[in-house]
Amino acid sequence: MRPRCVTTFIYKLKKTFIMNRLPITKRELEILTLVSSGLNAALIAQKLFISRPTLCGDTINMNRKLMAKNKTQLINNGFANGLLSTAP
């Protein structure tokens, strides 16, 4: 196997393992949906009746679970893993 194929395979295997081991909570899914709709942190926290530090903690956990480094990757990985859909 070529090195790049091995790297891709390991990445996908690691991603699958993490997703199966660390499921997204209902609250995290709510936050992911609101983030993907374009709301900022202040509005999401207000809408869900949670503090901004709690929202930041949940976002950090989602980034770890979905192997994302930023909001764009988080949303893309949410779509890729079937957590988000394009339908309203």
PDB file of N, CA and C in Angstrom:
ATOM      1  N   MET A   1       0.837  -1.180   0.000  1.00  0.00           N
ATOM      2  CA  MET A   1       0.000   0.000   0.000  1.00  0.00           C
ATOM      3  C   MET A   1       0.882   1.243   0.000  1.00  0.00           C
ATOM      4  N   ARG A   2       0.437   2.233  -0.736  1.00  0.00           N
ATOM      5  CA  ARG A   2       1.180   3.498  -0.762  1.00  0.00           C
ATOM      6  C   ARG A   2       1.011   4.236   0.559  1.00  0.00           C
ATOM      7  N   PRO A   3       2.015   5.022   0.941  1.00  0.00           N
ATOM      8  CA  PRO A   3       1.942   5.736   2.233  1.00  0.00           C
ATOM      9  C   PRO A   3       0.703   6.608   2.372  1.00  0.00           C
ATOM     10  N   ARG A   4       0.322   7.280   1.298  1.00  0.00           N
ATOM     11  CA  ARG A   4      -0.850   8.156   1.396  1.00  0.00           C
ATOM     12  C   ARG A   4      -2.115   7.340   1.634  1.00  0.00           C
ATOM     13  N   CYS A   5      -2.220   6.191   0.984  1.00  0.00           N
ATOM     14  CA  CYS A   5      -3.388   5.321   1.186  1.00  0.00           C
ATOM     15  C   CYS A   5      -3.449   4.842   2.630  1.00  0.00           C
ATOM     16  N   VAL A   6      -2.291   4.495   3.177  1.00  0.00           N
ATOM     17  CA  VAL A   6      -2.231   4.037   4.570  1.00  0.00           C
ATOM     18  C   VAL A   6      -2.650   5.164   5.505  1.00  0.00           C
ATOM     19  N   THR A   7      -2.156   6.366   5.246  1.00  0.00           N
ATOM     20  CA  THR A   7      -2.506   7.522   6.076  1.00  0.00           C
ATOM     21  C   THR A   7      -4.007   7.791   6.015  1.00  0.00           C
ATOM     22  N   THR A   8      -4.584   7.760   4.824  1.00  0.00           N
ATOM     23  CA  THR A   8      -6.026   7.978   4.653  1.00  0.00           C
ATOM     24  C   THR A   8      -6.813   6.897   5.382  1.00  0.00           C
ATOM     25  N   PHE A   9      -6.377   5.657   5.235  1.00  0.00           N
ATOM     26  CA  PHE A   9      -7.058   4.543   5.896  1.00  0.00           C
ATOM     27  C   PHE A   9      -7.024   4.707   7.408  1.00  0.00           C
ATOM     28  N   ILE A  10      -5.864   5.039   7.957  1.00  0.00           N
ATOM     29  CA  ILE A  10      -5.727   5.215   9.407  1.00  0.00           C
ATOM     30  C   ILE A  10      -6.596   6.372   9.890  1.00  0.00           C
ATOM     31  N   TYR A  11      -6.633   7.475   9.123  1.00  0.00           N
ATOM     32  CA  TYR A  11      -7.460   8.618   9.497  1.00  0.00           C
ATOM     33  C   TYR A  11      -8.934   8.210   9.554  1.00  0.00           C
ATOM     34  N   LYS A  12      -9.403   7.502   8.517  1.00  0.00           N
ATOM     35  CA  LYS A  12     -10.813   7.086   8.488  1.00  0.00           C
ATOM     36  C   LYS A  12     -11.122   6.102   9.603  1.00  0.00           C
ATOM     37  N   LEU A  13     -10.189   5.197   9.876  1.00  0.00           N
ATOM     38  CA  LEU A  13     -10.383   4.231  10.947  1.00  0.00           C
ATOM     39  C   LEU A  13     -10.451   4.938  12.296  1.00  0.00           C
ATOM     40  N   LYS A  14      -9.554   5.881  12.511  1.00  0.00           N
ATOM     41  CA  LYS A  14      -9.533   6.647  13.752  1.00  0.00           C
ATOM     42  C   LYS A  14     -10.825   7.448  13.906  1.00  0.00           C
ATOM     43  N   LYS A  15     -11.281   8.066  12.810  1.00  0.00           N
ATOM     44  CA  LYS A  15     -12.508   8.858  12.831  1.00  0.00           C
ATOM     45  C   LYS A  15     -13.700   7.973  13.187  1.00  0.00           C
ATOM     46  N   THR A  16     -13.790   6.787  12.593  1.00  0.00           N
ATOM     47  CA  THR A  16     -14.883   5.856  12.871  1.00  0.00           C
ATOM     48  C   THR A  16     -14.828   5.407  14.326  1.00  0.00           C
ATOM     49  N   PHE A  17     -13.636   5.092  14.811  1.00  0.00           N
ATOM     50  CA  PHE A  17     -13.474   4.652  16.192  1.00  0.00           C
ATOM     51  C   PHE A  17     -13.932   5.735  17.161  1.00  0.00           C
ATOM     52  N   ILE A  18     -13.522   6.964  16.918  1.00  0.00           N
ATOM     53  CA  ILE A  18     -13.892   8.068  17.797  1.00  0.00           C
ATOM     54  C   ILE A  18     -15.400   8.293  17.766  1.00  0.00           C
ATOM     55  N   MET A  19     -16.000   8.263  16.583  1.00  0.00           N
ATOM     56  CA  MET A  19     -17.442   8.485  16.479  1.00  0.00           C
ATOM     57  C   MET A  19     -18.210   7.380  17.195  1.00  0.00           C
ATOM     58  N   ASN A  20     -17.755   6.127  17.083  1.00  0.00           N
ATOM     59  CA  ASN A  20     -18.455   5.029  17.741  1.00  0.00           C
ATOM     60  C   ASN A  20     -18.218   5.027  19.246  1.00  0.00           C
ATOM     61  N   ARG A  21     -17.080   5.506  19.657  1.00  0.00           N
ATOM     62  CA  ARG A  21     -16.723   5.491  21.069  1.00  0.00           C
ATOM     63  C   ARG A  21     -17.301   6.691  21.815  1.00  0.00           C
ATOM     64  N   LEU A  22     -17.344   7.829  21.170  1.00  0.00           N
ATOM     65  CA  LEU A  22     -17.799   9.054  21.815  1.00  0.00           C
ATOM     66  C   LEU A  22     -18.996   9.642  21.066  1.00  0.00           C
ATOM     67  N   PRO A  23     -20.187   9.149  21.347  1.00  0.00           N
ATOM     68  CA  PRO A  23     -21.354   9.657  20.619  1.00  0.00           C
ATOM     69  C   PRO A  23     -21.659  11.114  20.963  1.00  0.00           C
ATOM     70  N   ILE A  24     -22.243  11.787  20.014  1.00  0.00           N
ATOM     71  CA  ILE A  24     -22.665  13.170  20.199  1.00  0.00           C
ATOM     72  C   ILE A  24     -23.912  13.184  21.083  1.00  0.00           C
ATOM     73  N   THR A  25     -23.907  14.041  22.096  1.00  0.00           N
ATOM     74  CA  THR A  25     -25.078  14.139  22.979  1.00  0.00           C
ATOM     75  C   THR A  25     -26.188  14.936  22.289  1.00  0.00           C
ATOM     76  N   LYS A  26     -27.368  14.848  22.865  1.00  0.00           N
ATOM     77  CA  LYS A  26     -28.505  15.597  22.325  1.00  0.00           C
ATOM     78  C   LYS A  26     -28.219  17.099  22.342  1.00  0.00           C
ATOM     79  N   ARG A  27     -27.645  17.584  23.433  1.00  0.00           N
ATOM     80  CA  ARG A  27     -27.318  19.013  23.551  1.00  0.00           C
ATOM     81  C   ARG A  27     -26.286  19.414  22.507  1.00  0.00           C
ATOM     82  N   GLU A  28     -25.250  18.586  22.324  1.00  0.00           N
ATOM     83  CA  GLU A  28     -24.219  18.889  21.322  1.00  0.00           C
ATOM     84  C   GLU A  28     -24.819  18.932  19.926  1.00  0.00           C
ATOM     85  N   LEU A  29     -25.764  18.036  19.653  1.00  0.00           N
ATOM     86  CA  LEU A  29     -26.427  18.042  18.345  1.00  0.00           C
ATOM     87  C   LEU A  29     -27.255  19.307  18.154  1.00  0.00           C
ATOM     88  N   GLU A  30     -27.914  19.767  19.212  1.00  0.00           N
ATOM     89  CA  GLU A  30     -28.655  21.029  19.149  1.00  0.00           C
ATOM     90  C   GLU A  30     -27.699  22.185  18.834  1.00  0.00           C
ATOM     91  N   ILE A  31     -26.568  22.206  19.519  1.00  0.00           N
ATOM     92  CA  ILE A  31     -25.580  23.265  19.296  1.00  0.00           C
ATOM     93  C   ILE A  31     -25.030  23.196  17.881  1.00  0.00           C
ATOM     94  N   LEU A  32     -24.709  21.995  17.420  1.00  0.00           N
ATOM     95  CA  LEU A  32     -24.190  21.816  16.057  1.00  0.00           C
ATOM     96  C   LEU A  32     -25.184  22.322  15.022  1.00  0.00           C
ATOM     97  N   THR A  33     -26.449  22.033  15.227  1.00  0.00           N
ATOM     98  CA  THR A  33     -27.487  22.492  14.306  1.00  0.00           C
ATOM     99  C   THR A  33     -27.568  24.021  14.289  1.00  0.00           C
ATOM    100  N   LEU A  34     -27.499  24.634  15.460  1.00  0.00           N
ATOM    101  CA  LEU A  34     -27.565  26.094  15.536  1.00  0.00           C
ATOM    102  C   LEU A  34     -26.308  26.744  14.951  1.00  0.00           C
ATOM    103  N   VAL A  35     -25.149  26.130  15.193  1.00  0.00           N
ATOM    104  CA  VAL A  35     -23.903  26.643  14.614  1.00  0.00           C
ATOM    105  C   VAL A  35     -23.997  26.591  13.093  1.00  0.00           C
ATOM    106  N   SER A  36     -24.513  25.483  12.563  1.00  0.00           N
ATOM    107  CA  SER A  36     -24.607  25.340  11.110  1.00  0.00           C
ATOM    108  C   SER A  36     -25.618  26.299  10.492  1.00  0.00           C
ATOM    109  N   SER A  37     -26.560  26.775  11.311  1.00  0.00           N
ATOM    110  CA  SER A  37     -27.533  27.741  10.787  1.00  0.00           C
ATOM    111  C   SER A  37     -26.992  29.164  10.786  1.00  0.00           C
ATOM    112  N   GLY A  38     -25.791  29.355  11.364  1.00  0.00           N
ATOM    113  CA  GLY A  38     -25.144  30.655  11.287  1.00  0.00           C
ATOM    114  C   GLY A  38     -25.241  31.525  12.527  1.00  0.00           C
ATOM    115  N   LEU A  39     -25.824  30.989  13.597  1.00  0.00           N
ATOM    116  CA  LEU A  39     -25.930  31.790  14.820  1.00  0.00           C
ATOM    117  C   LEU A  39     -24.578  31.901  15.509  1.00  0.00           C
ATOM    118  N   ASN A  40     -24.352  33.041  16.174  1.00  0.00           N
ATOM    119  CA  ASN A  40     -23.097  33.206  16.911  1.00  0.00           C
ATOM    120  C   ASN A  40     -23.247  32.632  18.322  1.00  0.00           C
ATOM    121  N   ALA A  41     -22.146  32.581  19.054  1.00  0.00           N
ATOM    122  CA  ALA A  41     -22.121  31.945  20.373  1.00  0.00           C
ATOM    123  C   ALA A  41     -23.096  32.597  21.352  1.00  0.00           C
ATOM    124  N   ALA A  42     -23.166  33.919  21.341  1.00  0.00           N
ATOM    125  CA  ALA A  42     -24.060  34.616  22.272  1.00  0.00           C
ATOM    126  C   ALA A  42     -25.519  34.242  22.027  1.00  0.00           C
ATOM    127  N   LEU A  43     -25.919  34.194  20.778  1.00  0.00           N
ATOM    128  CA  LEU A  43     -27.306  33.852  20.453  1.00  0.00           C
ATOM    129  C   LEU A  43     -27.619  32.391  20.752  1.00  0.00           C
ATOM    130  N   ILE A  44     -26.657  31.504  20.484  1.00  0.00           N
ATOM    131  CA  ILE A  44     -26.871  30.083  20.773  1.00  0.00           C
ATOM    132  C   ILE A  44     -27.030  29.886  22.279  1.00  0.00           C
ATOM    133  N   ALA A  45     -26.157  30.486  23.065  1.00  0.00           N
ATOM    134  CA  ALA A  45     -26.234  30.358  24.523  1.00  0.00           C
ATOM    135  C   ALA A  45     -27.565  30.895  25.046  1.00  0.00           C
ATOM    136  N   GLN A  46     -27.990  32.033  24.515  1.00  0.00           N
ATOM    137  CA  GLN A  46     -29.258  32.631  24.942  1.00  0.00           C
ATOM    138  C   GLN A  46     -30.434  31.732  24.560  1.00  0.00           C
ATOM    139  N   LYS A  47     -30.406  31.204  23.349  1.00  0.00           N
ATOM    140  CA  LYS A  47     -31.509  30.376  22.868  1.00  0.00           C
ATOM    141  C   LYS A  47     -31.635  29.068  23.645  1.00  0.00           C
ATOM    142  N   LEU A  48     -30.495  28.507  24.072  1.00  0.00           N
ATOM    143  CA  LEU A  48     -30.506  27.231  24.793  1.00  0.00           C
ATOM    144  C   LEU A  48     -30.491  27.395  26.307  1.00  0.00           C
ATOM    145  N   PHE A  49     -30.497  28.645  26.782  1.00  0.00           N
ATOM    146  CA  PHE A  49     -30.489  28.948  28.216  1.00  0.00           C
ATOM    147  C   PHE A  49     -29.279  28.324  28.921  1.00  0.00           C
ATOM    148  N   ILE A  50     -28.113  28.484  28.304  1.00  0.00           N
ATOM    149  CA  ILE A  50     -26.868  28.014  28.904  1.00  0.00           C
ATOM    150  C   ILE A  50     -25.862  29.165  28.904  1.00  0.00           C
ATOM    151  N   SER A  51     -24.834  29.034  29.721  1.00  0.00           N
ATOM    152  CA  SER A  51     -23.814  30.089  29.770  1.00  0.00           C
ATOM    153  C   SER A  51     -22.847  29.928  28.598  1.00  0.00           C
ATOM    154  N   ARG A  52     -22.136  30.994  28.282  1.00  0.00           N
ATOM    155  CA  ARG A  52     -21.138  30.931  27.208  1.00  0.00           C
ATOM    156  C   ARG A  52     -20.022  29.949  27.525  1.00  0.00           C
ATOM    157  N   PRO A  53     -19.519  29.890  28.791  1.00  0.00           N
ATOM    158  CA  PRO A  53     -18.490  28.883  29.086  1.00  0.00           C
ATOM    159  C   PRO A  53     -18.985  27.440  28.872  1.00  0.00           C
ATOM    160  N   THR A  54     -20.251  27.177  29.197  1.00  0.00           N
ATOM    161  CA  THR A  54     -20.824  25.851  28.951  1.00  0.00           C
ATOM    162  C   THR A  54     -20.861  25.572  27.458  1.00  0.00           C
ATOM    163  N   LEU A  55     -21.262  26.565  26.690  1.00  0.00           N
ATOM    164  CA  LEU A  55     -21.298  26.424  25.232  1.00  0.00           C
ATOM    165  C   LEU A  55     -19.898  26.162  24.684  1.00  0.00           C
ATOM    166  N   CYS A  56     -18.911  26.875  25.196  1.00  0.00           N
ATOM    167  CA  CYS A  56     -17.529  26.666  24.752  1.00  0.00           C
ATOM    168  C   CYS A  56     -17.068  25.249  25.076  1.00  0.00           C
ATOM    169  N   GLY A  57     -17.404  24.759  26.250  1.00  0.00           N
ATOM    170  CA  GLY A  57     -17.034  23.394  26.624  1.00  0.00           C
ATOM    171  C   GLY A  57     -17.669  22.359  25.723  1.00  0.00           C
ATOM    172  N   ASP A  58     -18.958  22.547  25.427  1.00  0.00           N
ATOM    173  CA  ASP A  58     -19.652  21.621  24.524  1.00  0.00           C
ATOM    174  C   ASP A  58     -19.053  21.669  23.124  1.00  0.00           C
ATOM    175  N   THR A  59     -18.683  22.855  22.678  1.00  0.00           N
ATOM    176  CA  THR A  59     -18.089  23.009  21.347  1.00  0.00           C
ATOM    177  C   THR A  59     -16.721  22.330  21.290  1.00  0.00           C
ATOM    178  N   ILE A  60     -15.941  22.465  22.349  1.00  0.00           N
ATOM    179  CA  ILE A  60     -14.635  21.800  22.410  1.00  0.00           C
ATOM    180  C   ILE A  60     -14.819  20.281  22.346  1.00  0.00           C
ATOM    181  N   ASN A  61     -15.800  19.781  23.079  1.00  0.00           N
ATOM    182  CA  ASN A  61     -16.070  18.339  23.049  1.00  0.00           C
ATOM    183  C   ASN A  61     -16.483  17.877  21.651  1.00  0.00           C
ATOM    184  N   MET A  62     -17.331  18.647  20.989  1.00  0.00           N
ATOM    185  CA  MET A  62     -17.746  18.282  19.618  1.00  0.00           C
ATOM    186  C   MET A  62     -16.565  18.311  18.666  1.00  0.00           C
ATOM    187  N   ASN A  63     -15.714  19.318  18.798  1.00  0.00           N
ATOM    188  CA  ASN A  63     -14.532  19.387  17.935  1.00  0.00           C
ATOM    189  C   ASN A  63     -13.668  18.144  18.111  1.00  0.00           C
ATOM    190  N   ARG A  64     -13.519  17.703  19.337  1.00  0.00           N
ATOM    191  CA  ARG A  64     -12.722  16.501  19.609  1.00  0.00           C
ATOM    192  C   ARG A  64     -13.397  15.264  19.028  1.00  0.00           C
ATOM    193  N   LYS A  65     -14.689  15.134  19.237  1.00  0.00           N
ATOM    194  CA  LYS A  65     -15.423  13.961  18.760  1.00  0.00           C
ATOM    195  C   LYS A  65     -15.480  13.886  17.241  1.00  0.00           C
ATOM    196  N   LEU A  66     -15.599  15.050  16.594  1.00  0.00           N
ATOM    197  CA  LEU A  66     -15.703  15.077  15.130  1.00  0.00           C
ATOM    198  C   LEU A  66     -14.371  15.386  14.457  1.00  0.00           C
ATOM    199  N   MET A  67     -13.305  15.434  15.253  1.00  0.00           N
ATOM    200  CA  MET A  67     -11.965  15.689  14.730  1.00  0.00           C
ATOM    201  C   MET A  67     -11.919  16.965  13.901  1.00  0.00           C
ATOM    202  N   ALA A  68     -12.459  18.031  14.456  1.00  0.00           N
ATOM    203  CA  ALA A  68     -12.506  19.325  13.772  1.00  0.00           C
ATOM    204  C   ALA A  68     -11.601  20.319  14.501  1.00  0.00           C
ATOM    205  N   LYS A  69     -11.010  21.209  13.733  1.00  0.00           N
ATOM    206  CA  LYS A  69     -10.132  22.228  14.309  1.00  0.00           C
ATOM    207  C   LYS A  69     -10.785  23.607  14.326  1.00  0.00           C
ATOM    208  N   ASN A  70     -11.874  23.759  13.575  1.00  0.00           N
ATOM    209  CA  ASN A  70     -12.558  25.049  13.527  1.00  0.00           C
ATOM    210  C   ASN A  70     -14.034  24.823  13.206  1.00  0.00           C
ATOM    211  N   LYS A  71     -14.781  25.901  13.177  1.00  0.00           N
ATOM    212  CA  LYS A  71     -16.221  25.817  12.965  1.00  0.00           C
ATOM    213  C   LYS A  71     -16.581  25.230  11.594  1.00  0.00           C
ATOM    214  N   THR A  72     -15.814  25.596  10.573  1.00  0.00           N
ATOM    215  CA  THR A  72     -16.074  25.082   9.228  1.00  0.00           C
ATOM    216  C   THR A  72     -15.895  23.572   9.178  1.00  0.00           C
ATOM    217  N   GLN A  73     -14.807  23.081   9.739  1.00  0.00           N
ATOM    218  CA  GLN A  73     -14.583  21.635   9.780  1.00  0.00           C
ATOM    219  C   GLN A  73     -15.645  20.936  10.612  1.00  0.00           C
ATOM    220  N   LEU A  74     -16.056  21.561  11.687  1.00  0.00           N
ATOM    221  CA  LEU A  74     -17.092  20.986  12.541  1.00  0.00           C
ATOM    222  C   LEU A  74     -18.380  20.774  11.748  1.00  0.00           C
ATOM    223  N   ILE A  75     -18.786  21.780  11.010  1.00  0.00           N
ATOM    224  CA  ILE A  75     -20.008  21.677  10.216  1.00  0.00           C
ATOM    225  C   ILE A  75     -19.839  20.655   9.096  1.00  0.00           C
ATOM    226  N   ASN A  76     -18.715  20.701   8.387  1.00  0.00           N
ATOM    227  CA  ASN A  76     -18.475  19.739   7.304  1.00  0.00           C
ATOM    228  C   ASN A  76     -18.468  18.305   7.825  1.00  0.00           C
ATOM    229  N   ASN A  77     -17.816  18.079   8.960  1.00  0.00           N
ATOM    230  CA  ASN A  77     -17.786  16.737   9.529  1.00  0.00           C
ATOM    231  C   ASN A  77     -19.158  16.320  10.058  1.00  0.00           C
ATOM    232  N   GLY A  78     -19.944  17.281  10.495  1.00  0.00           N
ATOM    233  CA  GLY A  78     -21.320  16.987  10.897  1.00  0.00           C
ATOM    234  C   GLY A  78     -22.137  16.483   9.724  1.00  0.00           C
ATOM    235  N   PHE A  79     -21.984  17.113   8.574  1.00  0.00           N
ATOM    236  CA  PHE A  79     -22.660  16.638   7.364  1.00  0.00           C
ATOM    237  C   PHE A  79     -22.119  15.282   6.932  1.00  0.00           C
ATOM    238  N   ALA A  80     -20.795  15.134   6.953  1.00  0.00           N
ATOM    239  CA  ALA A  80     -20.153  13.890   6.505  1.00  0.00           C
ATOM    240  C   ALA A  80     -20.563  12.693   7.359  1.00  0.00           C
ATOM    241  N   ASN A  81     -20.839  12.929   8.635  1.00  0.00           N
ATOM    242  CA  ASN A  81     -21.218  11.845   9.534  1.00  0.00           C
ATOM    243  C   ASN A  81     -22.730  11.685   9.674  1.00  0.00           C
ATOM    244  N   GLY A  82     -23.478  12.413   8.866  1.00  0.00           N
ATOM    245  CA  GLY A  82     -24.929  12.261   8.880  1.00  0.00           C
ATOM    246  C   GLY A  82     -25.628  12.912  10.054  1.00  0.00           C
ATOM    247  N   LEU A  83     -24.930  13.781  10.764  1.00  0.00           N
ATOM    248  CA  LEU A  83     -25.539  14.457  11.906  1.00  0.00           C
ATOM    249  C   LEU A  83     -26.356  15.672  11.470  1.00  0.00           C
ATOM    250  N   LEU A  84     -26.016  16.235  10.335  1.00  0.00           N
ATOM    251  CA  LEU A  84     -26.726  17.381   9.774  1.00  0.00           C
ATOM    252  C   LEU A  84     -27.251  17.007   8.404  1.00  0.00           C
ATOM    253  N   SER A  85     -28.354  17.617   8.022  1.00  0.00           N
ATOM    254  CA  SER A  85     -28.883  17.421   6.674  1.00  0.00           C
ATOM    255  C   SER A  85     -29.134  18.783   6.044  1.00  0.00           C
ATOM    256  N   THR A  86     -29.251  18.802   4.732  1.00  0.00           N
ATOM    257  CA  THR A  86     -29.471  20.071   4.051  1.00  0.00           C
ATOM    258  C   THR A  86     -30.908  20.531   4.127  1.00  0.00           C
ATOM    259  N   ALA A  87     -31.824  19.633   4.479  1.00  0.00           N
ATOM    260  CA  ALA A  87     -33.238  20.003   4.575  1.00  0.00           C
ATOM    261  C   ALA A  87     -33.457  20.857   5.814  1.00  0.00           C
ATOM    262  N   PRO A  88     -34.340  21.869   5.725  1.00  0.00           N
ATOM    263  CA  PRO A  88     -34.614  22.723   6.886  1.00  0.00           C
ATOM    264  C   PRO A  88     -35.326  22.010   7.999  1.00  0.00           C
TER     265      PRO A  88
END
